[in-house]
Amino acid sequence: MKTHAVFFPFDLFGSGGTRAGAELLADAFQEMLADNKREKVRTRARAYTDHVRFQECLFQKVDDYQDWRRRGRELAAGILQRGDFLLWTAGNHLGVLPVYDALAQDAGHTLVIQLDAHLDIYNLSDCTRTLSHGNFLLHADGPLPALINLGHRELLLRPEYIARYYRHAFPASALAIDPEPILNLVRAQSRAAARVFVDLDCDVFDPAFFPGSGHPTPVGLSPPFMLRVLDAVWSERVCGLALSEFDPGRDVRDQSLATLAWLMEYVLLKRHEKG
């Protein structure tokens, strides 16, 4: 099985600086692959280097935005249908909507583990009803897969409303106080699912660990805790990982960039290295 790394720097309708984040990560990813191919000493990178396909979707002209969602959906659906691992890097979180559209084609057998400071189902009086990065789950093209959110900091939406869209939604406060029962539930439900997708919105991290977020929110998760989540969900049934909402204009000494670059290679090794 191959990994298809797609960089989709869409950032309209919220978090404008995140386009640069996706483009910067695309450059870092290409540089990593090039370094691996130049290396003459045998390293662990040989496990994945020849199994990775890189693709960058360009948004340089107005016309590039006209059919962005269909283009993204067809691209993501084709990769998933082939059984390849999908590593999808978007600008803002709305840039992951085409992946949700693709997952909707087999929503009944799919579990999404979403790490996000926000529950993207906002319907408050000052929120737009048209598509935005804060309500895009309300606009998915087809049924939503089962969703488990980890790390949200939502204090206003009522539990019965959240339950209409999320199987479970665990706030960062609950994870800080007693994470073990939650991780055990995530582990059990991931093992029971036919297909698992991980959706990481970078604002789930506490800004002390990850300053490069367009919407920094306190009381967040740490990168080491993210590894605990990956350990809980990981199996051959994990079909992909999405990254979004990295704003390099807010980064400090490339701390956030280094975190994501390390995480991408960590996931490639988990996916391709045997033994």
C-alpha atoms as a PDB file:
ATOM      1  CA  MET A   1       0.000   0.000   0.000  1.00  0.00           C
ATOM      2  CA  LYS A   2       1.200   3.475  -0.861  1.00  0.00           C
ATOM      3  CA  THR A   3       0.773   6.799   0.853  1.00  0.00           C
ATOM      4  CA  HIS A   4      -0.626   9.607  -1.265  1.00  0.00           C
ATOM      5  CA  ALA A   5       0.340  12.956   0.260  1.00  0.00           C
ATOM      6  CA  VAL A   6      -1.936  15.724  -0.985  1.00  0.00           C
ATOM      7  CA  PHE A   7      -1.312  19.386  -0.180  1.00  0.00           C
ATOM      8  CA  PHE A   8      -4.521  21.356  -0.666  1.00  0.00           C
ATOM      9  CA  PRO A   9      -3.859  24.969   0.399  1.00  0.00           C
ATOM     10  CA  PHE A  10      -7.475  26.118   0.300  1.00  0.00           C
ATOM     11  CA  ASP A  11      -8.116  28.888   2.838  1.00  0.00           C
ATOM     12  CA  LEU A  12     -11.189  30.850   1.803  1.00  0.00           C
ATOM     13  CA  PHE A  13     -13.995  31.673   4.257  1.00  0.00           C
ATOM     14  CA  GLY A  14     -11.738  31.744   7.327  1.00  0.00           C
ATOM     15  CA  SER A  15      -8.115  31.542   8.479  1.00  0.00           C
ATOM     16  CA  GLY A  16      -6.536  33.193   5.460  1.00  0.00           C
ATOM     17  CA  GLY A  17      -2.925  32.755   6.595  1.00  0.00           C
ATOM     18  CA  THR A  18      -3.212  28.982   6.573  1.00  0.00           C
ATOM     19  CA  ARG A  19      -2.688  28.725   2.829  1.00  0.00           C
ATOM     20  CA  ALA A  20       0.949  29.641   3.455  1.00  0.00           C
ATOM     21  CA  GLY A  21       1.084  26.915   6.107  1.00  0.00           C
ATOM     22  CA  ALA A  22       0.016  24.190   3.694  1.00  0.00           C
ATOM     23  CA  GLU A  23       2.468  25.462   1.073  1.00  0.00           C
ATOM     24  CA  LEU A  24       5.310  25.563   3.605  1.00  0.00           C
ATOM     25  CA  LEU A  25       4.554  22.008   4.691  1.00  0.00           C
ATOM     26  CA  ALA A  26       4.539  20.911   1.050  1.00  0.00           C
ATOM     27  CA  ASP A  27       8.039  22.360   0.642  1.00  0.00           C
ATOM     28  CA  ALA A  28       9.228  20.678   3.844  1.00  0.00           C
ATOM     29  CA  PHE A  29       7.738  17.354   2.759  1.00  0.00           C
ATOM     30  CA  GLN A  30       9.404  17.476  -0.646  1.00  0.00           C
ATOM     31  CA  GLU A  31      12.717  18.399   0.956  1.00  0.00           C
ATOM     32  CA  MET A  32      12.406  15.444   3.324  1.00  0.00           C
ATOM     33  CA  LEU A  33      11.815  13.027   0.448  1.00  0.00           C
ATOM     34  CA  ALA A  34      14.702  14.510  -1.556  1.00  0.00           C
ATOM     35  CA  ASP A  35      17.066  14.208   1.413  1.00  0.00           C
ATOM     36  CA  ASN A  36      16.052  10.586   1.869  1.00  0.00           C
ATOM     37  CA  LYS A  37      16.756   9.759  -1.764  1.00  0.00           C
ATOM     38  CA  ARG A  38      20.197  11.394  -1.616  1.00  0.00           C
ATOM     39  CA  GLU A  39      21.194   9.542   1.545  1.00  0.00           C
ATOM     40  CA  LYS A  40      23.596   6.675   0.819  1.00  0.00           C
ATOM     41  CA  VAL A  41      23.590   5.202   4.324  1.00  0.00           C
ATOM     42  CA  ARG A  42      20.713   2.851   4.985  1.00  0.00           C
ATOM     43  CA  THR A  43      18.149   4.553   7.271  1.00  0.00           C
ATOM     44  CA  ARG A  44      14.611   3.869   8.458  1.00  0.00           C
ATOM     45  CA  ALA A  45      13.351   6.269   5.794  1.00  0.00           C
ATOM     46  CA  ARG A  46      13.839   3.558   3.166  1.00  0.00           C
ATOM     47  CA  ALA A  47      10.725   1.904   4.571  1.00  0.00           C
ATOM     48  CA  TYR A  48       8.491   4.619   3.140  1.00  0.00           C
ATOM     49  CA  THR A  49      10.422   6.787   0.644  1.00  0.00           C
ATOM     50  CA  ASP A  50       9.610   4.700  -2.430  1.00  0.00           C
ATOM     51  CA  HIS A  51       5.987   4.264  -1.360  1.00  0.00           C
ATOM     52  CA  VAL A  52       5.013   7.931  -1.148  1.00  0.00           C
ATOM     53  CA  ARG A  53       3.346   9.914  -3.903  1.00  0.00           C
ATOM     54  CA  PHE A  54       3.365  13.714  -3.595  1.00  0.00           C
ATOM     55  CA  GLN A  55       0.718  15.961  -5.100  1.00  0.00           C
ATOM     56  CA  GLU A  56       0.126  19.689  -4.610  1.00  0.00           C
ATOM     57  CA  CYS A  57      -3.103  21.361  -5.710  1.00  0.00           C
ATOM     58  CA  LEU A  58      -2.418  24.920  -6.773  1.00  0.00           C
ATOM     59  CA  PHE A  59      -4.749  27.828  -6.083  1.00  0.00           C
ATOM     60  CA  GLN A  60      -3.037  30.588  -8.039  1.00  0.00           C
ATOM     61  CA  LYS A  61      -5.883  31.936 -10.174  1.00  0.00           C
ATOM     62  CA  VAL A  62      -9.525  32.760  -9.562  1.00  0.00           C
ATOM     63  CA  ASP A  63     -10.530  29.877 -11.819  1.00  0.00           C
ATOM     64  CA  ASP A  64      -8.714  27.441  -9.520  1.00  0.00           C
ATOM     65  CA  TYR A  65     -11.334  28.137  -6.850  1.00  0.00           C
ATOM     66  CA  GLN A  66     -14.413  27.669  -9.030  1.00  0.00           C
ATOM     67  CA  ASP A  67     -14.743  23.924  -8.537  1.00  0.00           C
ATOM     68  CA  TRP A  68     -12.467  23.388  -5.541  1.00  0.00           C
ATOM     69  CA  ARG A  69     -14.793  21.099  -3.645  1.00  0.00           C
ATOM     70  CA  ARG A  70     -15.534  18.697  -6.480  1.00  0.00           C
ATOM     71  CA  ARG A  71     -11.856  18.552  -7.421  1.00  0.00           C
ATOM     72  CA  GLY A  72     -10.887  17.762  -3.858  1.00  0.00           C
ATOM     73  CA  ARG A  73     -13.649  15.199  -3.367  1.00  0.00           C
ATOM     74  CA  GLU A  74     -12.780  13.276  -6.510  1.00  0.00           C
ATOM     75  CA  LEU A  75      -9.099  13.299  -5.645  1.00  0.00           C
ATOM     76  CA  ALA A  76      -9.648  12.078  -2.071  1.00  0.00           C
ATOM     77  CA  ALA A  77     -12.239   9.491  -3.119  1.00  0.00           C
ATOM     78  CA  GLY A  78      -9.947   8.010  -5.759  1.00  0.00           C
ATOM     79  CA  ILE A  79      -7.105   7.584  -3.279  1.00  0.00           C
ATOM     80  CA  LEU A  80      -9.326   6.007  -0.640  1.00  0.00           C
ATOM     81  CA  GLN A  81     -11.003   3.682  -3.138  1.00  0.00           C
ATOM     82  CA  ARG A  82      -7.608   2.391  -4.245  1.00  0.00           C
ATOM     83  CA  GLY A  83      -6.835   1.537  -0.649  1.00  0.00           C
ATOM     84  CA  ASP A  84      -3.920   3.967  -0.411  1.00  0.00           C
ATOM     85  CA  PHE A  85      -3.231   5.887   2.779  1.00  0.00           C
ATOM     86  CA  LEU A  86      -4.365   9.502   2.422  1.00  0.00           C
ATOM     87  CA  LEU A  87      -2.203  12.192   4.013  1.00  0.00           C
ATOM     88  CA  TRP A  88      -4.200  15.373   3.349  1.00  0.00           C
ATOM     89  CA  THR A  89      -2.783  18.776   4.312  1.00  0.00           C
ATOM     90  CA  ALA A  90      -5.201  21.674   3.941  1.00  0.00           C
ATOM     91  CA  GLY A  91      -5.053  25.384   4.619  1.00  0.00           C
ATOM     92  CA  ASN A  92      -7.996  26.059   6.892  1.00  0.00           C
ATOM     93  CA  HIS A  93     -10.216  23.293   8.235  1.00  0.00           C
ATOM     94  CA  LEU A  94     -12.771  23.914   5.510  1.00  0.00           C
ATOM     95  CA  GLY A  95     -10.158  22.513   3.130  1.00  0.00           C
ATOM     96  CA  VAL A  96     -10.818  19.090   4.672  1.00  0.00           C
ATOM     97  CA  LEU A  97     -14.507  19.168   3.680  1.00  0.00           C
ATOM     98  CA  PRO A  98     -13.794  17.375   0.348  1.00  0.00           C
ATOM     99  CA  VAL A  99     -12.382  14.487   2.379  1.00  0.00           C
ATOM    100  CA  TYR A 100     -15.571  14.334   4.468  1.00  0.00           C
ATOM    101  CA  ASP A 101     -17.538  14.335   1.199  1.00  0.00           C
ATOM    102  CA  ALA A 102     -15.453  11.371   0.028  1.00  0.00           C
ATOM    103  CA  LEU A 103     -15.819   9.529   3.344  1.00  0.00           C
ATOM    104  CA  ALA A 104     -19.606   9.988   3.092  1.00  0.00           C
ATOM    105  CA  GLN A 105     -19.614   7.432   0.276  1.00  0.00           C
ATOM    106  CA  ASP A 106     -19.074   4.751   2.926  1.00  0.00           C
ATOM    107  CA  ALA A 107     -20.082   6.675   6.023  1.00  0.00           C
ATOM    108  CA  GLY A 108     -21.714   3.691   7.710  1.00  0.00           C
ATOM    109  CA  HIS A 109     -18.391   1.875   8.003  1.00  0.00           C
ATOM    110  CA  THR A 110     -16.215   4.877   8.847  1.00  0.00           C
ATOM    111  CA  LEU A 111     -15.133   6.410  12.148  1.00  0.00           C
ATOM    112  CA  VAL A 112     -13.482   9.832  12.213  1.00  0.00           C
ATOM    113  CA  ILE A 113     -11.360  10.765  15.199  1.00  0.00           C
ATOM    114  CA  GLN A 114     -11.378  14.542  15.121  1.00  0.00           C
ATOM    115  CA  LEU A 115      -8.943  16.588  17.193  1.00  0.00           C
ATOM    116  CA  ASP A 116     -10.205  20.147  17.102  1.00  0.00           C
ATOM    117  CA  ALA A 117     -10.697  23.017  19.530  1.00  0.00           C
ATOM    118  CA  HIS A 118     -13.996  23.807  17.808  1.00  0.00           C
ATOM    119  CA  LEU A 119     -17.040  21.756  16.931  1.00  0.00           C
ATOM    120  CA  ASP A 120     -17.660  22.850  13.354  1.00  0.00           C
ATOM    121  CA  ILE A 121     -21.450  22.851  13.582  1.00  0.00           C
ATOM    122  CA  TYR A 122     -21.959  26.427  14.748  1.00  0.00           C
ATOM    123  CA  ASN A 123     -25.472  27.813  14.372  1.00  0.00           C
ATOM    124  CA  LEU A 124     -25.316  30.761  16.768  1.00  0.00           C
ATOM    125  CA  SER A 125     -27.099  33.994  15.904  1.00  0.00           C
ATOM    126  CA  ASP A 126     -23.930  35.793  14.796  1.00  0.00           C
ATOM    127  CA  CYS A 127     -22.712  32.872  12.621  1.00  0.00           C
ATOM    128  CA  THR A 128     -23.282  32.727   8.892  1.00  0.00           C
ATOM    129  CA  ARG A 129     -25.641  30.036   7.636  1.00  0.00           C
ATOM    130  CA  THR A 130     -23.717  29.732   4.401  1.00  0.00           C
ATOM    131  CA  LEU A 131     -20.651  27.532   4.180  1.00  0.00           C
ATOM    132  CA  SER A 132     -17.712  28.582   6.366  1.00  0.00           C
ATOM    133  CA  HIS A 133     -14.836  26.959   8.209  1.00  0.00           C
ATOM    134  CA  GLY A 134     -16.944  27.101  11.406  1.00  0.00           C
ATOM    135  CA  ASN A 135     -19.998  25.189  10.164  1.00  0.00           C
ATOM    136  CA  PHE A 136     -18.784  23.009   7.311  1.00  0.00           C
ATOM    137  CA  LEU A 137     -19.977  19.756   8.895  1.00  0.00           C
ATOM    138  CA  LEU A 138     -23.525  21.054   8.407  1.00  0.00           C
ATOM    139  CA  HIS A 139     -22.820  21.188   4.649  1.00  0.00           C
ATOM    140  CA  ALA A 140     -21.291  17.755   4.054  1.00  0.00           C
ATOM    141  CA  ASP A 141     -22.324  16.125   0.777  1.00  0.00           C
ATOM    142  CA  GLY A 142     -23.949  13.001   2.181  1.00  0.00           C
ATOM    143  CA  PRO A 143     -24.228  11.409   5.601  1.00  0.00           C
ATOM    144  CA  LEU A 144     -21.520  12.190   8.087  1.00  0.00           C
ATOM    145  CA  PRO A 145     -19.436   9.269   9.326  1.00  0.00           C
ATOM    146  CA  ALA A 146     -19.406   8.544  13.039  1.00  0.00           C
ATOM    147  CA  LEU A 147     -17.488  11.386  14.679  1.00  0.00           C
ATOM    148  CA  ILE A 148     -15.569  11.435  17.938  1.00  0.00           C
ATOM    149  CA  ASN A 149     -14.126  14.807  18.883  1.00  0.00           C
ATOM    150  CA  LEU A 150     -11.215  15.059  21.268  1.00  0.00           C
ATOM    151  CA  GLY A 151      -9.996  18.330  22.703  1.00  0.00           C
ATOM    152  CA  HIS A 152     -12.746  20.839  22.007  1.00  0.00           C
ATOM    153  CA  ARG A 153     -13.109  23.903  24.215  1.00  0.00           C
ATOM    154  CA  GLU A 154     -16.788  24.496  23.480  1.00  0.00           C
ATOM    155  CA  LEU A 155     -18.731  26.048  26.378  1.00  0.00           C
ATOM    156  CA  LEU A 156     -21.943  27.269  24.715  1.00  0.00           C
ATOM    157  CA  LEU A 157     -23.441  24.625  22.425  1.00  0.00           C
ATOM    158  CA  ARG A 158     -25.960  22.404  24.194  1.00  0.00           C
ATOM    159  CA  PRO A 159     -25.155  18.676  24.586  1.00  0.00           C
ATOM    160  CA  GLU A 160     -28.311  17.526  22.783  1.00  0.00           C
ATOM    161  CA  TYR A 161     -27.391  19.651  19.760  1.00  0.00           C
ATOM    162  CA  ILE A 162     -23.822  18.325  19.708  1.00  0.00           C
ATOM    163  CA  ALA A 163     -25.148  14.758  19.907  1.00  0.00           C
ATOM    164  CA  ARG A 164     -26.999  15.224  16.614  1.00  0.00           C
ATOM    165  CA  TYR A 165     -23.642  15.272  14.800  1.00  0.00           C
ATOM    166  CA  TYR A 166     -21.070  13.675  17.116  1.00  0.00           C
ATOM    167  CA  ARG A 167     -21.105  10.184  18.563  1.00  0.00           C
ATOM    168  CA  HIS A 168     -18.929  11.541  21.379  1.00  0.00           C
ATOM    169  CA  ALA A 169     -17.331  14.917  22.048  1.00  0.00           C
ATOM    170  CA  PHE A 170     -14.754  15.053  24.834  1.00  0.00           C
ATOM    171  CA  PRO A 171     -13.543  18.502  25.907  1.00  0.00           C
ATOM    172  CA  ALA A 172      -9.906  19.222  26.603  1.00  0.00           C
ATOM    173  CA  SER A 173     -10.817  19.741  30.257  1.00  0.00           C
ATOM    174  CA  ALA A 174     -11.989  16.122  30.567  1.00  0.00           C
ATOM    175  CA  LEU A 175      -8.818  14.892  28.872  1.00  0.00           C
ATOM    176  CA  ALA A 176      -6.719  16.943  31.278  1.00  0.00           C
ATOM    177  CA  ILE A 177      -8.492  15.592  34.356  1.00  0.00           C
ATOM    178  CA  ASP A 178      -8.777  11.866  33.522  1.00  0.00           C
ATOM    179  CA  PRO A 179      -7.855  10.783  29.995  1.00  0.00           C
ATOM    180  CA  GLU A 180      -7.648   7.012  30.495  1.00  0.00           C
ATOM    181  CA  PRO A 181     -11.371   6.127  30.219  1.00  0.00           C
ATOM    182  CA  ILE A 182     -11.656   8.311  27.125  1.00  0.00           C
ATOM    183  CA  LEU A 183      -8.609   6.778  25.461  1.00  0.00           C
ATOM    184  CA  ASN A 184      -9.940   3.293  26.264  1.00  0.00           C
ATOM    185  CA  LEU A 185     -13.268   4.166  24.622  1.00  0.00           C
ATOM    186  CA  VAL A 186     -11.486   5.568  21.564  1.00  0.00           C
ATOM    187  CA  ARG A 187      -9.344   2.434  21.365  1.00  0.00           C
ATOM    188  CA  ALA A 188     -12.363   0.125  21.558  1.00  0.00           C
ATOM    189  CA  GLN A 189     -14.418   2.025  18.995  1.00  0.00           C
ATOM    190  CA  SER A 190     -11.474   2.290  16.606  1.00  0.00           C
ATOM    191  CA  ARG A 191     -10.998  -1.480  16.770  1.00  0.00           C
ATOM    192  CA  ALA A 192     -14.700  -2.011  16.048  1.00  0.00           C
ATOM    193  CA  ALA A 193     -14.716   0.284  12.991  1.00  0.00           C
ATOM    194  CA  ALA A 194     -14.080  -0.976   9.484  1.00  0.00           C
ATOM    195  CA  ARG A 195     -12.276   2.225   8.565  1.00  0.00           C
ATOM    196  CA  VAL A 196     -10.761   5.015  10.686  1.00  0.00           C
ATOM    197  CA  PHE A 197      -9.722   8.486   9.607  1.00  0.00           C
ATOM    198  CA  VAL A 198      -7.887  10.998  11.832  1.00  0.00           C
ATOM    199  CA  ASP A 199      -8.653  14.695  11.380  1.00  0.00           C
ATOM    200  CA  LEU A 200      -6.208  17.019  13.162  1.00  0.00           C
ATOM    201  CA  ASP A 201      -7.037  20.718  13.296  1.00  0.00           C
ATOM    202  CA  CYS A 202      -3.914  22.320  14.738  1.00  0.00           C
ATOM    203  CA  ASP A 203      -5.848  24.652  17.006  1.00  0.00           C
ATOM    204  CA  VAL A 204      -6.492  21.617  19.214  1.00  0.00           C
ATOM    205  CA  PHE A 205      -2.961  22.148  20.550  1.00  0.00           C
ATOM    206  CA  ASP A 206      -2.342  24.513  23.402  1.00  0.00           C
ATOM    207  CA  PRO A 207      -0.578  27.616  22.035  1.00  0.00           C
ATOM    208  CA  ALA A 208       2.238  27.049  24.537  1.00  0.00           C
ATOM    209  CA  PHE A 209       3.171  23.989  22.456  1.00  0.00           C
ATOM    210  CA  PHE A 210       1.928  25.142  19.077  1.00  0.00           C
ATOM    211  CA  PRO A 211       1.866  28.907  18.544  1.00  0.00           C
ATOM    212  CA  GLY A 212       1.276  28.671  14.789  1.00  0.00           C
ATOM    213  CA  SER A 213      -2.502  28.389  14.874  1.00  0.00           C
ATOM    214  CA  GLY A 214      -4.935  30.850  13.351  1.00  0.00           C
ATOM    215  CA  HIS A 215      -7.266  30.481  16.322  1.00  0.00           C
ATOM    216  CA  PRO A 216      -5.124  29.840  19.416  1.00  0.00           C
ATOM    217  CA  THR A 217      -7.293  28.645  22.288  1.00  0.00           C
ATOM    218  CA  PRO A 218      -6.002  27.996  25.817  1.00  0.00           C
ATOM    219  CA  VAL A 219      -6.255  24.758  27.799  1.00  0.00           C
ATOM    220  CA  GLY A 220      -5.363  22.667  24.769  1.00  0.00           C
ATOM    221  CA  LEU A 221      -3.629  19.386  24.111  1.00  0.00           C
ATOM    222  CA  SER A 222       0.093  18.727  23.895  1.00  0.00           C
ATOM    223  CA  PRO A 223       1.886  16.989  21.000  1.00  0.00           C
ATOM    224  CA  PRO A 224       2.841  14.054  23.281  1.00  0.00           C
ATOM    225  CA  PHE A 225      -0.836  13.542  24.079  1.00  0.00           C
ATOM    226  CA  MET A 226      -1.542  13.484  20.354  1.00  0.00           C
ATOM    227  CA  LEU A 227       0.817  10.510  20.150  1.00  0.00           C
ATOM    228  CA  ARG A 228      -1.245   8.751  22.821  1.00  0.00           C
ATOM    229  CA  VAL A 229      -4.330   9.278  20.680  1.00  0.00           C
ATOM    230  CA  LEU A 230      -2.576   7.872  17.605  1.00  0.00           C
ATOM    231  CA  ASP A 231      -1.463   4.878  19.624  1.00  0.00           C
ATOM    232  CA  ALA A 232      -5.063   4.285  20.750  1.00  0.00           C
ATOM    233  CA  VAL A 233      -6.546   4.402  17.247  1.00  0.00           C
ATOM    234  CA  TRP A 234      -3.739   2.908  15.195  1.00  0.00           C
ATOM    235  CA  SER A 235      -4.211  -0.237  13.144  1.00  0.00           C
ATOM    236  CA  GLU A 236      -4.235  -1.267   9.491  1.00  0.00           C
ATOM    237  CA  ARG A 237      -7.771   0.141   9.363  1.00  0.00           C
ATOM    238  CA  VAL A 238      -6.516   3.730   9.692  1.00  0.00           C
ATOM    239  CA  CYS A 239      -6.950   4.993   6.141  1.00  0.00           C
ATOM    240  CA  GLY A 240      -5.671   8.527   6.476  1.00  0.00           C
ATOM    241  CA  LEU A 241      -4.732  11.662   8.362  1.00  0.00           C
ATOM    242  CA  ALA A 242      -5.739  15.257   7.656  1.00  0.00           C
ATOM    243  CA  LEU A 243      -3.813  18.289   8.919  1.00  0.00           C
ATOM    244  CA  SER A 244      -5.135  21.848   8.817  1.00  0.00           C
ATOM    245  CA  GLU A 245      -5.035  25.322  10.372  1.00  0.00           C
ATOM    246  CA  PHE A 246      -1.269  25.843  10.508  1.00  0.00           C
ATOM    247  CA  ASP A 247      -0.549  29.575  10.249  1.00  0.00           C
ATOM    248  CA  PRO A 248       3.216  30.167   9.907  1.00  0.00           C
ATOM    249  CA  GLY A 249       2.732  33.899  10.449  1.00  0.00           C
ATOM    250  CA  ARG A 250       2.016  33.134  14.106  1.00  0.00           C
ATOM    251  CA  ASP A 251       4.761  30.548  14.542  1.00  0.00           C
ATOM    252  CA  VAL A 252       7.719  31.098  16.875  1.00  0.00           C
ATOM    253  CA  ARG A 253      11.158  29.948  15.687  1.00  0.00           C
ATOM    254  CA  ASP A 254       9.476  27.325  13.455  1.00  0.00           C
ATOM    255  CA  GLN A 255       8.261  25.420  16.514  1.00  0.00           C
ATOM    256  CA  SER A 256       4.917  24.502  14.935  1.00  0.00           C
ATOM    257  CA  LEU A 257       6.443  23.710  11.546  1.00  0.00           C
ATOM    258  CA  ALA A 258       8.920  21.334  13.163  1.00  0.00           C
ATOM    259  CA  THR A 259       6.127  19.641  15.109  1.00  0.00           C
ATOM    260  CA  LEU A 260       4.082  18.923  11.984  1.00  0.00           C
ATOM    261  CA  ALA A 261       7.058  17.876   9.861  1.00  0.00           C
ATOM    262  CA  TRP A 262       8.095  15.426  12.583  1.00  0.00           C
ATOM    263  CA  LEU A 263       4.527  14.146  12.906  1.00  0.00           C
ATOM    264  CA  MET A 264       4.192  13.480   9.184  1.00  0.00           C
ATOM    265  CA  GLU A 265       7.364  11.414   9.116  1.00  0.00           C
ATOM    266  CA  TYR A 266       6.331   9.631  12.317  1.00  0.00           C
ATOM    267  CA  VAL A 267       3.061   8.612  10.646  1.00  0.00           C
ATOM    268  CA  LEU A 268       4.863   7.465   7.492  1.00  0.00           C
ATOM    269  CA  LEU A 269       7.073   5.197   9.576  1.00  0.00           C
ATOM    270  CA  LYS A 270       4.075   3.805  11.469  1.00  0.00           C
ATOM    271  CA  ARG A 271       2.351   3.128   8.189  1.00  0.00           C
ATOM    272  CA  HIS A 272       5.226   1.556   6.249  1.00  0.00           C
ATOM    273  CA  GLU A 273       7.847   0.249   8.650  1.00  0.00           C
ATOM    274  CA  LYS A 274       7.400  -3.380   9.576  1.00  0.00           C
ATOM    275  CA  GLY A 275       8.606  -4.979  12.782  1.00  0.00           C
END
